[in-house]
Amino acid sequence: MFQLNEVQVGNILFINKLHIPDKRITCIMGESGGGKSTLIKLLNNFIPYDHGKITYNGEDLQLIDPILLRRNVVMVSQVPVMFEGTVQDNLLIGLTFSEKSTPKVEKLQKILSIVCLPKELDVDAEELSGGEKQRLSLARALLMEPEVYIFDEPTSALDEELEDKVMGNIIEEIKRREKTLIMVTHSKKLAATFGEVIVHLKGGKITKVREVTTNG
């Protein structure tokens, strides 16, 4: 899926070698300021790198049209991005970007149920709480059905019980679709429960990569 070799971003990130496999759940962990967010922003060409090479499915990332790349590699940032309009408007705008057809209302409602967001589609998105906006942004990404989902602290605004439920539902859906999830998280419990590949970063460098065969 992704292969990084001798990748450097200023004084922030130094990746000697890293392979992120497809159709697996990769959790990226480490202290604040360790380079986690920088690493995932590289993967959909959101920021440039100074040195080295990154490939996506064997193709040089820098040679892929960024728009086409971001339709296949969808990122959800820690601070949820909301657009003017309703819950439905915010769900559909991702499909507009990815040039996909508008689904039936029933599918939109199902996506909201997956992320545990029991809201009517005509509710103004700006009226939602921080945690609700976070879940709406996750729902929008699910609806786009990309090859790769990248989440940056996707449950930071949720309590532990809701975090377990939401992420359990989302990961079940991603696994059902046989897609890939790359997730930055501070939650050791989340990583231990769902992570199949655990990447540890410290000071912009990888200190350990651990692969597990089963989730526990």
N, C-alpha and C. Protein backbone atom coordinates (compact mmCIF):
# COMPACT_ATOMS: atom_id res chain seq x y z
N MET A 1 0.85 -1.20 0.00
CA MET A 1 0.00 0.00 0.00
C MET A 1 0.88 1.25 0.00
N PHE A 2 1.36 1.68 1.19
CA PHE A 2 2.29 2.80 1.27
C PHE A 2 3.68 2.29 1.64
N GLN A 3 4.69 2.85 0.99
CA GLN A 3 6.07 2.54 1.33
C GLN A 3 6.83 3.85 1.44
N LEU A 4 7.47 4.07 2.58
CA LEU A 4 8.26 5.28 2.80
C LEU A 4 9.71 4.89 2.97
N ASN A 5 10.59 5.58 2.26
CA ASN A 5 12.03 5.33 2.35
C ASN A 5 12.79 6.63 2.46
N GLU A 6 13.58 6.77 3.53
CA GLU A 6 14.45 7.93 3.75
C GLU A 6 13.68 9.25 3.64
N VAL A 7 12.49 9.28 4.22
CA VAL A 7 11.64 10.47 4.11
C VAL A 7 11.94 11.45 5.24
N GLN A 8 12.14 12.71 4.85
CA GLN A 8 12.41 13.75 5.83
C GLN A 8 11.53 14.96 5.58
N VAL A 9 10.99 15.53 6.67
CA VAL A 9 10.23 16.78 6.61
C VAL A 9 10.87 17.73 7.61
N GLY A 10 11.70 18.65 7.10
CA GLY A 10 12.37 19.62 7.96
C GLY A 10 13.05 18.94 9.13
N ASN A 11 12.83 19.52 10.33
CA ASN A 11 13.34 18.92 11.55
C ASN A 11 12.24 18.19 12.32
N ILE A 12 11.16 17.85 11.60
CA ILE A 12 9.99 17.29 12.26
C ILE A 12 9.93 15.77 12.14
N LEU A 13 10.27 15.26 10.95
CA LEU A 13 10.05 13.84 10.69
C LEU A 13 11.21 13.24 9.93
N PHE A 14 11.66 12.06 10.40
CA PHE A 14 12.74 11.33 9.75
C PHE A 14 12.35 9.85 9.71
N ILE A 15 11.84 9.40 8.57
CA ILE A 15 11.40 8.01 8.44
C ILE A 15 12.39 7.26 7.57
N ASN A 16 13.16 6.36 8.18
CA ASN A 16 14.13 5.58 7.43
C ASN A 16 13.42 4.60 6.50
N LYS A 17 12.48 3.83 7.07
CA LYS A 17 11.75 2.86 6.27
C LYS A 17 10.44 2.52 6.98
N LEU A 18 9.35 2.53 6.24
CA LEU A 18 8.05 2.17 6.81
C LEU A 18 7.14 1.63 5.72
N HIS A 19 6.54 0.49 6.00
CA HIS A 19 5.54 -0.09 5.11
C HIS A 19 4.20 -0.11 5.82
N ILE A 20 3.18 0.46 5.19
CA ILE A 20 1.82 0.43 5.72
C ILE A 20 1.00 -0.46 4.80
N PRO A 21 0.55 -1.62 5.30
CA PRO A 21 -0.12 -2.60 4.43
C PRO A 21 -1.57 -2.23 4.14
N ASP A 22 -2.10 -2.79 3.07
CA ASP A 22 -3.49 -2.54 2.72
C ASP A 22 -4.41 -3.50 3.47
N LYS A 23 -5.68 -3.10 3.57
CA LYS A 23 -6.74 -3.91 4.18
C LYS A 23 -6.45 -4.27 5.63
N ARG A 24 -5.71 -3.40 6.31
CA ARG A 24 -5.42 -3.62 7.72
C ARG A 24 -5.64 -2.33 8.49
N ILE A 25 -5.68 -2.44 9.81
CA ILE A 25 -5.86 -1.29 10.69
C ILE A 25 -4.50 -0.93 11.28
N THR A 26 -3.96 0.21 10.84
CA THR A 26 -2.66 0.66 11.33
C THR A 26 -2.88 1.82 12.30
N CYS A 27 -2.37 1.67 13.51
CA CYS A 27 -2.46 2.73 14.53
C CYS A 27 -1.10 3.38 14.69
N ILE A 28 -1.09 4.70 14.66
CA ILE A 28 0.15 5.47 14.84
C ILE A 28 0.08 6.15 16.19
N MET A 29 1.06 5.87 17.04
CA MET A 29 1.04 6.34 18.41
C MET A 29 2.34 7.07 18.76
N GLY A 30 2.27 7.85 19.83
CA GLY A 30 3.47 8.54 20.29
C GLY A 30 3.11 9.83 21.00
N GLU A 31 4.11 10.46 21.56
CA GLU A 31 3.91 11.68 22.32
C GLU A 31 3.50 12.83 21.41
N SER A 32 2.89 13.86 22.01
CA SER A 32 2.51 15.05 21.25
C SER A 32 3.76 15.70 20.66
N GLY A 33 3.65 16.15 19.42
CA GLY A 33 4.80 16.75 18.75
C GLY A 33 5.79 15.76 18.20
N GLY A 34 5.42 14.48 18.21
CA GLY A 34 6.34 13.43 17.75
C GLY A 34 6.34 13.21 16.26
N GLY A 35 5.43 13.88 15.54
CA GLY A 35 5.42 13.75 14.08
C GLY A 35 4.28 12.93 13.52
N LYS A 36 3.33 12.53 14.36
CA LYS A 36 2.24 11.65 13.92
C LYS A 36 1.37 12.32 12.85
N SER A 37 0.91 13.53 13.14
CA SER A 37 0.04 14.22 12.18
C SER A 37 0.78 14.55 10.90
N THR A 38 2.05 14.89 11.03
CA THR A 38 2.86 15.16 9.83
C THR A 38 2.95 13.92 8.96
N LEU A 39 3.14 12.78 9.57
CA LEU A 39 3.25 11.53 8.82
C LEU A 39 1.98 11.25 8.02
N ILE A 40 0.82 11.36 8.64
CA ILE A 40 -0.39 11.01 7.90
C ILE A 40 -0.73 12.06 6.83
N LYS A 41 -0.33 13.31 7.05
CA LYS A 41 -0.58 14.33 6.03
C LYS A 41 0.25 14.08 4.78
N LEU A 42 1.37 13.40 4.94
CA LEU A 42 2.17 13.05 3.78
C LEU A 42 1.46 12.04 2.88
N LEU A 43 0.64 11.19 3.49
CA LEU A 43 0.09 10.05 2.77
C LEU A 43 -0.97 10.41 1.74
N ASN A 44 -1.61 11.58 1.89
CA ASN A 44 -2.51 12.01 0.82
C ASN A 44 -2.02 13.30 0.17
N ASN A 45 -0.69 13.52 0.30
CA ASN A 45 -0.01 14.64 -0.35
C ASN A 45 -0.58 15.99 0.10
N PHE A 46 -0.94 16.05 1.38
CA PHE A 46 -1.45 17.31 1.95
C PHE A 46 -0.30 18.28 2.23
N ILE A 47 0.86 17.72 2.55
CA ILE A 47 2.07 18.54 2.73
C ILE A 47 3.21 17.88 1.96
N PRO A 48 4.22 18.66 1.54
CA PRO A 48 5.35 18.08 0.81
C PRO A 48 6.42 17.54 1.77
N TYR A 49 7.32 16.76 1.24
CA TYR A 49 8.47 16.31 2.02
C TYR A 49 9.74 16.75 1.32
N ASP A 50 10.81 16.88 2.10
CA ASP A 50 12.06 17.45 1.61
C ASP A 50 12.98 16.44 0.95
N HIS A 51 12.85 15.20 1.39
CA HIS A 51 13.81 14.19 0.93
C HIS A 51 13.16 12.82 1.01
N GLY A 52 13.64 11.89 0.17
CA GLY A 52 13.17 10.52 0.22
C GLY A 52 12.11 10.21 -0.81
N LYS A 53 11.40 9.12 -0.60
CA LYS A 53 10.40 8.67 -1.57
C LYS A 53 9.23 7.99 -0.85
N ILE A 54 8.02 8.31 -1.30
CA ILE A 54 6.81 7.65 -0.82
C ILE A 54 6.08 7.07 -2.03
N THR A 55 5.70 5.81 -1.94
CA THR A 55 4.91 5.21 -3.01
C THR A 55 3.56 4.75 -2.47
N TYR A 56 2.56 4.82 -3.34
CA TYR A 56 1.22 4.34 -3.02
C TYR A 56 0.85 3.31 -4.07
N ASN A 57 0.68 2.08 -3.62
CA ASN A 57 0.45 0.95 -4.54
C ASN A 57 1.52 0.89 -5.63
N GLY A 58 2.76 1.15 -5.22
CA GLY A 58 3.90 1.04 -6.11
C GLY A 58 4.18 2.25 -6.97
N GLU A 59 3.31 3.27 -6.90
CA GLU A 59 3.48 4.47 -7.72
C GLU A 59 3.97 5.63 -6.89
N ASP A 60 4.94 6.36 -7.43
CA ASP A 60 5.49 7.52 -6.73
C ASP A 60 4.37 8.49 -6.40
N LEU A 61 4.24 8.82 -5.11
CA LEU A 61 3.15 9.68 -4.65
C LEU A 61 3.17 11.03 -5.34
N GLN A 62 4.34 11.53 -5.63
CA GLN A 62 4.47 12.86 -6.23
C GLN A 62 4.02 12.89 -7.69
N LEU A 63 3.86 11.71 -8.30
CA LEU A 63 3.44 11.64 -9.69
C LEU A 63 1.94 11.40 -9.83
N ILE A 64 1.25 11.23 -8.70
CA ILE A 64 -0.20 10.98 -8.73
C ILE A 64 -0.93 12.32 -8.63
N ASP A 65 -1.94 12.51 -9.45
CA ASP A 65 -2.78 13.71 -9.38
C ASP A 65 -3.33 13.83 -7.96
N PRO A 66 -3.04 14.94 -7.24
CA PRO A 66 -3.48 15.07 -5.85
C PRO A 66 -4.99 14.92 -5.67
N ILE A 67 -5.77 15.40 -6.61
CA ILE A 67 -7.23 15.28 -6.50
C ILE A 67 -7.65 13.81 -6.58
N LEU A 68 -7.09 13.09 -7.53
CA LEU A 68 -7.41 11.67 -7.66
C LEU A 68 -6.93 10.90 -6.43
N LEU A 69 -5.76 11.27 -5.92
CA LEU A 69 -5.23 10.62 -4.72
C LEU A 69 -6.17 10.81 -3.55
N ARG A 70 -6.65 12.04 -3.36
CA ARG A 70 -7.49 12.34 -2.19
C ARG A 70 -8.91 11.78 -2.31
N ARG A 71 -9.29 11.36 -3.50
CA ARG A 71 -10.55 10.62 -3.63
C ARG A 71 -10.38 9.19 -3.16
N ASN A 72 -9.17 8.68 -3.28
CA ASN A 72 -8.89 7.31 -2.85
C ASN A 72 -8.34 7.23 -1.43
N VAL A 73 -7.75 8.32 -0.97
CA VAL A 73 -7.15 8.38 0.37
C VAL A 73 -7.78 9.56 1.10
N VAL A 74 -8.81 9.27 1.89
CA VAL A 74 -9.61 10.32 2.52
C VAL A 74 -9.19 10.51 3.97
N MET A 75 -8.90 11.77 4.33
CA MET A 75 -8.46 12.07 5.68
C MET A 75 -9.55 12.80 6.47
N VAL A 76 -9.67 12.41 7.74
CA VAL A 76 -10.54 13.11 8.69
C VAL A 76 -9.63 13.71 9.76
N SER A 77 -9.60 15.04 9.83
CA SER A 77 -8.71 15.71 10.77
C SER A 77 -9.28 15.69 12.18
N GLN A 78 -8.42 15.98 13.14
CA GLN A 78 -8.84 15.98 14.54
C GLN A 78 -9.91 17.04 14.80
N VAL A 79 -9.75 18.21 14.20
CA VAL A 79 -10.77 19.26 14.29
C VAL A 79 -11.71 19.07 13.10
N PRO A 80 -12.96 18.68 13.35
CA PRO A 80 -13.85 18.35 12.24
C PRO A 80 -14.14 19.53 11.33
N VAL A 81 -14.12 19.27 10.03
CA VAL A 81 -14.43 20.30 9.05
C VAL A 81 -15.93 20.27 8.79
N MET A 82 -16.58 21.40 9.04
CA MET A 82 -18.02 21.52 8.78
C MET A 82 -18.25 22.53 7.66
N PHE A 83 -19.26 22.25 6.85
CA PHE A 83 -19.63 23.15 5.77
C PHE A 83 -21.00 23.76 6.07
N GLU A 84 -21.26 24.91 5.49
CA GLU A 84 -22.52 25.57 5.72
C GLU A 84 -23.68 24.69 5.24
N GLY A 85 -24.73 24.63 6.05
CA GLY A 85 -25.89 23.84 5.66
C GLY A 85 -26.24 22.79 6.68
N THR A 86 -27.01 21.83 6.23
CA THR A 86 -27.56 20.79 7.10
C THR A 86 -26.62 19.60 7.26
N VAL A 87 -27.05 18.68 8.11
CA VAL A 87 -26.34 17.41 8.24
C VAL A 87 -26.26 16.71 6.89
N GLN A 88 -27.36 16.71 6.16
CA GLN A 88 -27.38 16.07 4.84
C GLN A 88 -26.42 16.77 3.88
N ASP A 89 -26.39 18.10 3.89
CA ASP A 89 -25.47 18.84 3.03
C ASP A 89 -24.03 18.43 3.31
N ASN A 90 -23.70 18.27 4.60
CA ASN A 90 -22.33 17.92 4.98
C ASN A 90 -21.98 16.50 4.60
N LEU A 91 -22.95 15.63 4.57
CA LEU A 91 -22.70 14.26 4.12
C LEU A 91 -22.46 14.21 2.62
N LEU A 92 -23.27 14.96 1.88
CA LEU A 92 -23.25 14.87 0.42
C LEU A 92 -22.07 15.59 -0.21
N ILE A 93 -21.48 16.56 0.50
CA ILE A 93 -20.42 17.35 -0.12
C ILE A 93 -19.19 16.48 -0.42
N GLY A 94 -18.97 15.45 0.37
CA GLY A 94 -17.87 14.54 0.09
C GLY A 94 -18.09 13.77 -1.20
N LEU A 95 -19.35 13.41 -1.45
CA LEU A 95 -19.68 12.68 -2.68
C LEU A 95 -19.53 13.58 -3.90
N THR A 96 -19.82 14.88 -3.71
CA THR A 96 -19.62 15.84 -4.80
C THR A 96 -18.15 15.91 -5.18
N PHE A 97 -17.29 15.97 -4.16
CA PHE A 97 -15.84 16.01 -4.40
C PHE A 97 -15.36 14.75 -5.11
N SER A 98 -15.87 13.61 -4.70
CA SER A 98 -15.41 12.35 -5.27
C SER A 98 -16.18 11.96 -6.54
N GLU A 99 -17.09 12.85 -6.97
CA GLU A 99 -17.86 12.66 -8.20
C GLU A 99 -18.65 11.35 -8.19
N LYS A 100 -19.35 11.12 -7.06
CA LYS A 100 -20.19 9.94 -6.93
C LYS A 100 -21.64 10.36 -6.85
N SER A 101 -22.52 9.46 -7.20
CA SER A 101 -23.94 9.78 -7.25
C SER A 101 -24.53 9.94 -5.86
N THR A 102 -25.63 10.66 -5.79
CA THR A 102 -26.31 10.89 -4.52
C THR A 102 -27.07 9.64 -4.09
N PRO A 103 -26.81 9.14 -2.88
CA PRO A 103 -27.50 7.93 -2.43
C PRO A 103 -28.90 8.23 -1.91
N LYS A 104 -29.65 7.19 -1.67
CA LYS A 104 -30.98 7.34 -1.09
C LYS A 104 -30.87 7.78 0.36
N VAL A 105 -31.94 8.38 0.85
CA VAL A 105 -31.99 8.87 2.23
C VAL A 105 -31.69 7.74 3.21
N GLU A 106 -32.16 6.54 2.89
CA GLU A 106 -31.96 5.40 3.79
C GLU A 106 -30.47 5.11 4.02
N LYS A 107 -29.67 5.31 2.98
CA LYS A 107 -28.23 5.07 3.13
C LYS A 107 -27.60 6.14 4.01
N LEU A 108 -28.05 7.38 3.87
CA LEU A 108 -27.54 8.45 4.72
C LEU A 108 -27.88 8.17 6.18
N GLN A 109 -29.07 7.72 6.42
CA GLN A 109 -29.48 7.41 7.79
C GLN A 109 -28.70 6.23 8.35
N LYS A 110 -28.40 5.26 7.51
CA LYS A 110 -27.61 4.11 7.96
C LYS A 110 -26.20 4.55 8.35
N ILE A 111 -25.60 5.43 7.55
CA ILE A 111 -24.25 5.92 7.86
C ILE A 111 -24.26 6.66 9.20
N LEU A 112 -25.29 7.46 9.45
CA LEU A 112 -25.38 8.16 10.73
C LEU A 112 -25.53 7.18 11.89
N SER A 113 -26.24 6.10 11.67
CA SER A 113 -26.40 5.11 12.74
C SER A 113 -25.08 4.40 13.04
N ILE A 114 -24.27 4.20 12.02
CA ILE A 114 -22.96 3.56 12.22
C ILE A 114 -22.09 4.38 13.16
N VAL A 115 -22.14 5.72 13.01
CA VAL A 115 -21.32 6.59 13.86
C VAL A 115 -22.08 7.05 15.10
N CYS A 116 -23.23 6.45 15.36
CA CYS A 116 -24.02 6.75 16.57
C CYS A 116 -24.40 8.22 16.65
N LEU A 117 -24.90 8.75 15.53
CA LEU A 117 -25.32 10.15 15.48
C LEU A 117 -26.81 10.20 15.13
N PRO A 118 -27.69 10.15 16.14
CA PRO A 118 -29.13 10.12 15.90
C PRO A 118 -29.70 11.51 15.65
N LYS A 119 -29.37 12.06 14.50
CA LYS A 119 -29.83 13.40 14.14
C LYS A 119 -30.63 13.36 12.84
N GLU A 120 -31.61 14.26 12.73
CA GLU A 120 -32.35 14.38 11.49
C GLU A 120 -31.46 15.01 10.42
N LEU A 121 -31.69 14.64 9.18
CA LEU A 121 -30.85 15.11 8.08
C LEU A 121 -30.97 16.61 7.85
N ASP A 122 -32.10 17.21 8.27
CA ASP A 122 -32.30 18.63 8.01
C ASP A 122 -31.83 19.54 9.15
N VAL A 123 -31.17 18.97 10.15
CA VAL A 123 -30.63 19.77 11.25
C VAL A 123 -29.43 20.58 10.76
N ASP A 124 -29.33 21.83 11.19
CA ASP A 124 -28.20 22.69 10.84
C ASP A 124 -26.93 22.12 11.48
N ALA A 125 -25.92 21.86 10.67
CA ALA A 125 -24.69 21.24 11.17
C ALA A 125 -23.99 22.09 12.22
N GLU A 126 -24.17 23.41 12.15
CA GLU A 126 -23.52 24.29 13.12
C GLU A 126 -24.12 24.17 14.52
N GLU A 127 -25.29 23.56 14.61
CA GLU A 127 -25.93 23.38 15.91
C GLU A 127 -25.39 22.17 16.66
N LEU A 128 -24.60 21.36 15.99
CA LEU A 128 -24.07 20.14 16.60
C LEU A 128 -22.97 20.46 17.61
N SER A 129 -22.82 19.60 18.59
CA SER A 129 -21.73 19.72 19.55
C SER A 129 -20.41 19.29 18.89
N GLY A 130 -19.30 19.49 19.60
CA GLY A 130 -18.00 19.10 19.05
C GLY A 130 -17.92 17.61 18.74
N GLY A 131 -18.43 16.80 19.66
CA GLY A 131 -18.41 15.35 19.43
C GLY A 131 -19.30 14.93 18.30
N GLU A 132 -20.45 15.61 18.14
CA GLU A 132 -21.36 15.30 17.04
C GLU A 132 -20.77 15.69 15.70
N LYS A 133 -20.08 16.82 15.67
CA LYS A 133 -19.41 17.24 14.43
C LYS A 133 -18.31 16.24 14.06
N GLN A 134 -17.61 15.75 15.07
CA GLN A 134 -16.56 14.77 14.82
C GLN A 134 -17.16 13.51 14.18
N ARG A 135 -18.28 13.06 14.70
CA ARG A 135 -18.93 11.87 14.16
C ARG A 135 -19.51 12.12 12.77
N LEU A 136 -19.99 13.34 12.53
CA LEU A 136 -20.51 13.66 11.20
C LEU A 136 -19.39 13.64 10.17
N SER A 137 -18.22 14.13 10.53
CA SER A 137 -17.09 14.10 9.60
C SER A 137 -16.65 12.67 9.30
N LEU A 138 -16.74 11.80 10.30
CA LEU A 138 -16.44 10.38 10.08
C LEU A 138 -17.47 9.74 9.16
N ALA A 139 -18.74 10.11 9.36
CA ALA A 139 -19.80 9.59 8.49
C ALA A 139 -19.60 10.02 7.05
N ARG A 140 -19.21 11.27 6.86
CA ARG A 140 -18.96 11.79 5.50
C ARG A 140 -17.86 10.98 4.82
N ALA A 141 -16.80 10.66 5.55
CA ALA A 141 -15.71 9.86 4.98
C ALA A 141 -16.19 8.45 4.63
N LEU A 142 -16.97 7.84 5.52
CA LEU A 142 -17.49 6.50 5.23
C LEU A 142 -18.34 6.49 3.97
N LEU A 143 -19.13 7.54 3.79
CA LEU A 143 -20.02 7.62 2.65
C LEU A 143 -19.25 7.71 1.33
N MET A 144 -18.05 8.28 1.36
CA MET A 144 -17.23 8.43 0.16
C MET A 144 -16.66 7.10 -0.33
N GLU A 145 -16.58 6.12 0.57
CA GLU A 145 -16.08 4.78 0.23
C GLU A 145 -14.74 4.79 -0.50
N PRO A 146 -13.71 5.42 0.07
CA PRO A 146 -12.39 5.40 -0.56
C PRO A 146 -11.67 4.08 -0.31
N GLU A 147 -10.50 3.94 -0.88
CA GLU A 147 -9.68 2.76 -0.62
C GLU A 147 -9.02 2.84 0.75
N VAL A 148 -8.67 4.07 1.16
CA VAL A 148 -7.94 4.28 2.41
C VAL A 148 -8.62 5.37 3.23
N TYR A 149 -8.82 5.08 4.51
CA TYR A 149 -9.30 6.07 5.46
C TYR A 149 -8.15 6.46 6.37
N ILE A 150 -7.94 7.77 6.55
CA ILE A 150 -6.93 8.25 7.49
C ILE A 150 -7.63 9.11 8.53
N PHE A 151 -7.55 8.69 9.80
CA PHE A 151 -8.20 9.40 10.89
C PHE A 151 -7.14 9.95 11.85
N ASP A 152 -7.26 11.23 12.16
CA ASP A 152 -6.35 11.87 13.13
C ASP A 152 -7.11 12.11 14.43
N GLU A 153 -6.83 11.27 15.42
CA GLU A 153 -7.52 11.35 16.72
C GLU A 153 -9.04 11.45 16.52
N PRO A 154 -9.64 10.45 15.90
CA PRO A 154 -11.05 10.55 15.49
C PRO A 154 -12.06 10.57 16.63
N THR A 155 -11.64 10.20 17.83
CA THR A 155 -12.59 10.13 18.95
C THR A 155 -12.18 11.02 20.11
N SER A 156 -11.39 12.04 19.84
CA SER A 156 -10.86 12.88 20.92
C SER A 156 -11.94 13.61 21.70
N ALA A 157 -13.11 13.84 21.06
CA ALA A 157 -14.20 14.56 21.73
C ALA A 157 -15.26 13.62 22.31
N LEU A 158 -14.99 12.32 22.32
CA LEU A 158 -15.98 11.34 22.79
C LEU A 158 -15.56 10.72 24.11
N ASP A 159 -16.54 10.34 24.93
CA ASP A 159 -16.20 9.61 26.14
C ASP A 159 -15.84 8.17 25.77
N GLU A 160 -15.29 7.44 26.74
CA GLU A 160 -14.73 6.13 26.44
C GLU A 160 -15.77 5.15 25.93
N GLU A 161 -16.97 5.18 26.52
CA GLU A 161 -18.02 4.25 26.11
C GLU A 161 -18.46 4.50 24.68
N LEU A 162 -18.65 5.78 24.34
CA LEU A 162 -19.06 6.13 22.98
C LEU A 162 -17.93 5.88 22.00
N GLU A 163 -16.69 6.14 22.42
CA GLU A 163 -15.53 5.86 21.57
C GLU A 163 -15.50 4.40 21.16
N ASP A 164 -15.69 3.50 22.13
CA ASP A 164 -15.66 2.07 21.84
C ASP A 164 -16.75 1.68 20.84
N LYS A 165 -17.94 2.23 21.03
CA LYS A 165 -19.07 1.89 20.18
C LYS A 165 -18.87 2.42 18.76
N VAL A 166 -18.50 3.71 18.66
CA VAL A 166 -18.34 4.33 17.35
C VAL A 166 -17.22 3.67 16.55
N MET A 167 -16.06 3.52 17.18
CA MET A 167 -14.94 2.94 16.45
C MET A 167 -15.17 1.46 16.14
N GLY A 168 -15.85 0.76 17.03
CA GLY A 168 -16.18 -0.63 16.74
C GLY A 168 -17.05 -0.75 15.49
N ASN A 169 -18.06 0.12 15.41
CA ASN A 169 -18.95 0.12 14.24
C ASN A 169 -18.21 0.49 12.97
N ILE A 170 -17.39 1.55 13.05
CA ILE A 170 -16.67 2.03 11.87
C ILE A 170 -15.70 0.99 11.35
N ILE A 171 -14.95 0.40 12.26
CA ILE A 171 -13.94 -0.59 11.85
C ILE A 171 -14.61 -1.84 11.31
N GLU A 172 -15.72 -2.23 11.89
CA GLU A 172 -16.48 -3.36 11.34
C GLU A 172 -16.90 -3.08 9.90
N GLU A 173 -17.34 -1.85 9.64
CA GLU A 173 -17.76 -1.48 8.29
C GLU A 173 -16.57 -1.44 7.33
N ILE A 174 -15.45 -0.88 7.78
CA ILE A 174 -14.25 -0.81 6.94
C ILE A 174 -13.73 -2.22 6.62
N LYS A 175 -13.74 -3.09 7.61
CA LYS A 175 -13.30 -4.47 7.38
C LYS A 175 -14.25 -5.20 6.43
N ARG A 176 -15.54 -4.93 6.58
CA ARG A 176 -16.52 -5.55 5.69
C ARG A 176 -16.27 -5.15 4.24
N ARG A 177 -15.89 -3.88 4.05
CA ARG A 177 -15.62 -3.38 2.70
C ARG A 177 -14.22 -3.77 2.20
N GLU A 178 -13.41 -4.36 3.07
CA GLU A 178 -12.04 -4.75 2.76
C GLU A 178 -11.19 -3.54 2.36
N LYS A 179 -11.31 -2.49 3.15
CA LYS A 179 -10.54 -1.26 2.93
C LYS A 179 -9.45 -1.13 3.99
N THR A 180 -8.74 -0.01 3.93
CA THR A 180 -7.59 0.22 4.80
C THR A 180 -7.87 1.40 5.73
N LEU A 181 -7.46 1.28 7.00
CA LEU A 181 -7.58 2.38 7.94
C LEU A 181 -6.22 2.67 8.57
N ILE A 182 -5.84 3.94 8.52
CA ILE A 182 -4.63 4.42 9.19
C ILE A 182 -5.09 5.46 10.21
N MET A 183 -4.77 5.25 11.48
CA MET A 183 -5.36 6.06 12.52
C MET A 183 -4.32 6.53 13.54
N VAL A 184 -4.25 7.85 13.73
CA VAL A 184 -3.46 8.40 14.83
C VAL A 184 -4.32 8.38 16.08
N THR A 185 -3.79 7.84 17.16
CA THR A 185 -4.53 7.81 18.41
C THR A 185 -3.60 7.86 19.61
N HIS A 186 -4.08 8.53 20.68
CA HIS A 186 -3.37 8.49 21.96
C HIS A 186 -3.90 7.37 22.83
N SER A 187 -5.00 6.76 22.40
CA SER A 187 -5.68 5.76 23.22
C SER A 187 -5.00 4.39 23.10
N LYS A 188 -4.34 3.96 24.17
CA LYS A 188 -3.73 2.64 24.18
C LYS A 188 -4.80 1.55 24.08
N LYS A 189 -5.96 1.83 24.68
CA LYS A 189 -7.05 0.85 24.63
C LYS A 189 -7.56 0.68 23.21
N LEU A 190 -7.72 1.79 22.50
CA LEU A 190 -8.20 1.74 21.12
C LEU A 190 -7.22 0.97 20.25
N ALA A 191 -5.94 1.25 20.42
CA ALA A 191 -4.91 0.57 19.63
C ALA A 191 -4.85 -0.92 19.96
N ALA A 192 -4.96 -1.23 21.25
CA ALA A 192 -4.90 -2.63 21.67
C ALA A 192 -6.12 -3.42 21.19
N THR A 193 -7.26 -2.75 21.14
CA THR A 193 -8.50 -3.42 20.73
C THR A 193 -8.58 -3.65 19.23
N PHE A 194 -8.21 -2.63 18.47
CA PHE A 194 -8.45 -2.68 17.03
C PHE A 194 -7.19 -2.73 16.16
N GLY A 195 -6.06 -2.32 16.69
CA GLY A 195 -4.85 -2.20 15.88
C GLY A 195 -4.30 -3.53 15.40
N GLU A 196 -3.94 -3.58 14.13
CA GLU A 196 -3.30 -4.77 13.56
C GLU A 196 -1.82 -4.50 13.27
N VAL A 197 -1.51 -3.23 13.05
CA VAL A 197 -0.12 -2.78 12.95
C VAL A 197 -0.01 -1.55 13.83
N ILE A 198 0.94 -1.55 14.77
CA ILE A 198 1.12 -0.43 15.70
C ILE A 198 2.47 0.22 15.42
N VAL A 199 2.44 1.50 15.02
CA VAL A 199 3.66 2.25 14.73
C VAL A 199 3.87 3.27 15.84
N HIS A 200 5.04 3.21 16.48
CA HIS A 200 5.36 4.14 17.56
C HIS A 200 6.36 5.19 17.05
N LEU A 201 6.03 6.46 17.27
CA LEU A 201 6.88 7.57 16.87
C LEU A 201 7.35 8.34 18.10
N LYS A 202 8.59 8.78 18.06
CA LYS A 202 9.12 9.64 19.11
C LYS A 202 10.17 10.55 18.49
N GLY A 203 10.00 11.84 18.69
CA GLY A 203 10.96 12.79 18.14
C GLY A 203 11.07 12.73 16.63
N GLY A 204 9.96 12.39 15.99
CA GLY A 204 9.94 12.33 14.53
C GLY A 204 10.53 11.07 13.93
N LYS A 205 10.89 10.11 14.78
CA LYS A 205 11.47 8.85 14.29
C LYS A 205 10.67 7.66 14.78
N ILE A 206 10.66 6.61 13.99
CA ILE A 206 9.98 5.38 14.38
C ILE A 206 10.83 4.63 15.39
N THR A 207 10.23 4.35 16.54
CA THR A 207 10.95 3.59 17.56
C THR A 207 10.58 2.12 17.55
N LYS A 208 9.38 1.82 17.05
CA LYS A 208 8.95 0.42 17.04
C LYS A 208 7.76 0.25 16.10
N VAL A 209 7.73 -0.86 15.38
CA VAL A 209 6.56 -1.26 14.60
C VAL A 209 6.19 -2.67 15.04
N ARG A 210 4.95 -2.82 15.48
CA ARG A 210 4.50 -4.14 15.97
C ARG A 210 3.29 -4.60 15.18
N GLU A 211 3.36 -5.80 14.66
CA GLU A 211 2.23 -6.38 13.94
C GLU A 211 1.59 -7.45 14.81
N VAL A 212 0.25 -7.43 14.83
CA VAL A 212 -0.48 -8.42 15.59
C VAL A 212 -1.37 -9.21 14.63
N THR A 213 -1.61 -10.44 14.97
CA THR A 213 -2.38 -11.31 14.08
C THR A 213 -3.86 -11.28 14.40
N THR A 214 -4.19 -10.99 15.66
CA THR A 214 -5.60 -10.91 16.06
C THR A 214 -5.80 -9.69 16.92
N ASN A 215 -7.03 -9.18 16.98
CA ASN A 215 -7.37 -8.07 17.85
C ASN A 215 -7.90 -8.63 19.18
N GLY A 216 -7.59 -7.89 20.22
CA GLY A 216 -8.04 -8.36 21.51
C GLY A 216 -8.65 -7.31 22.30
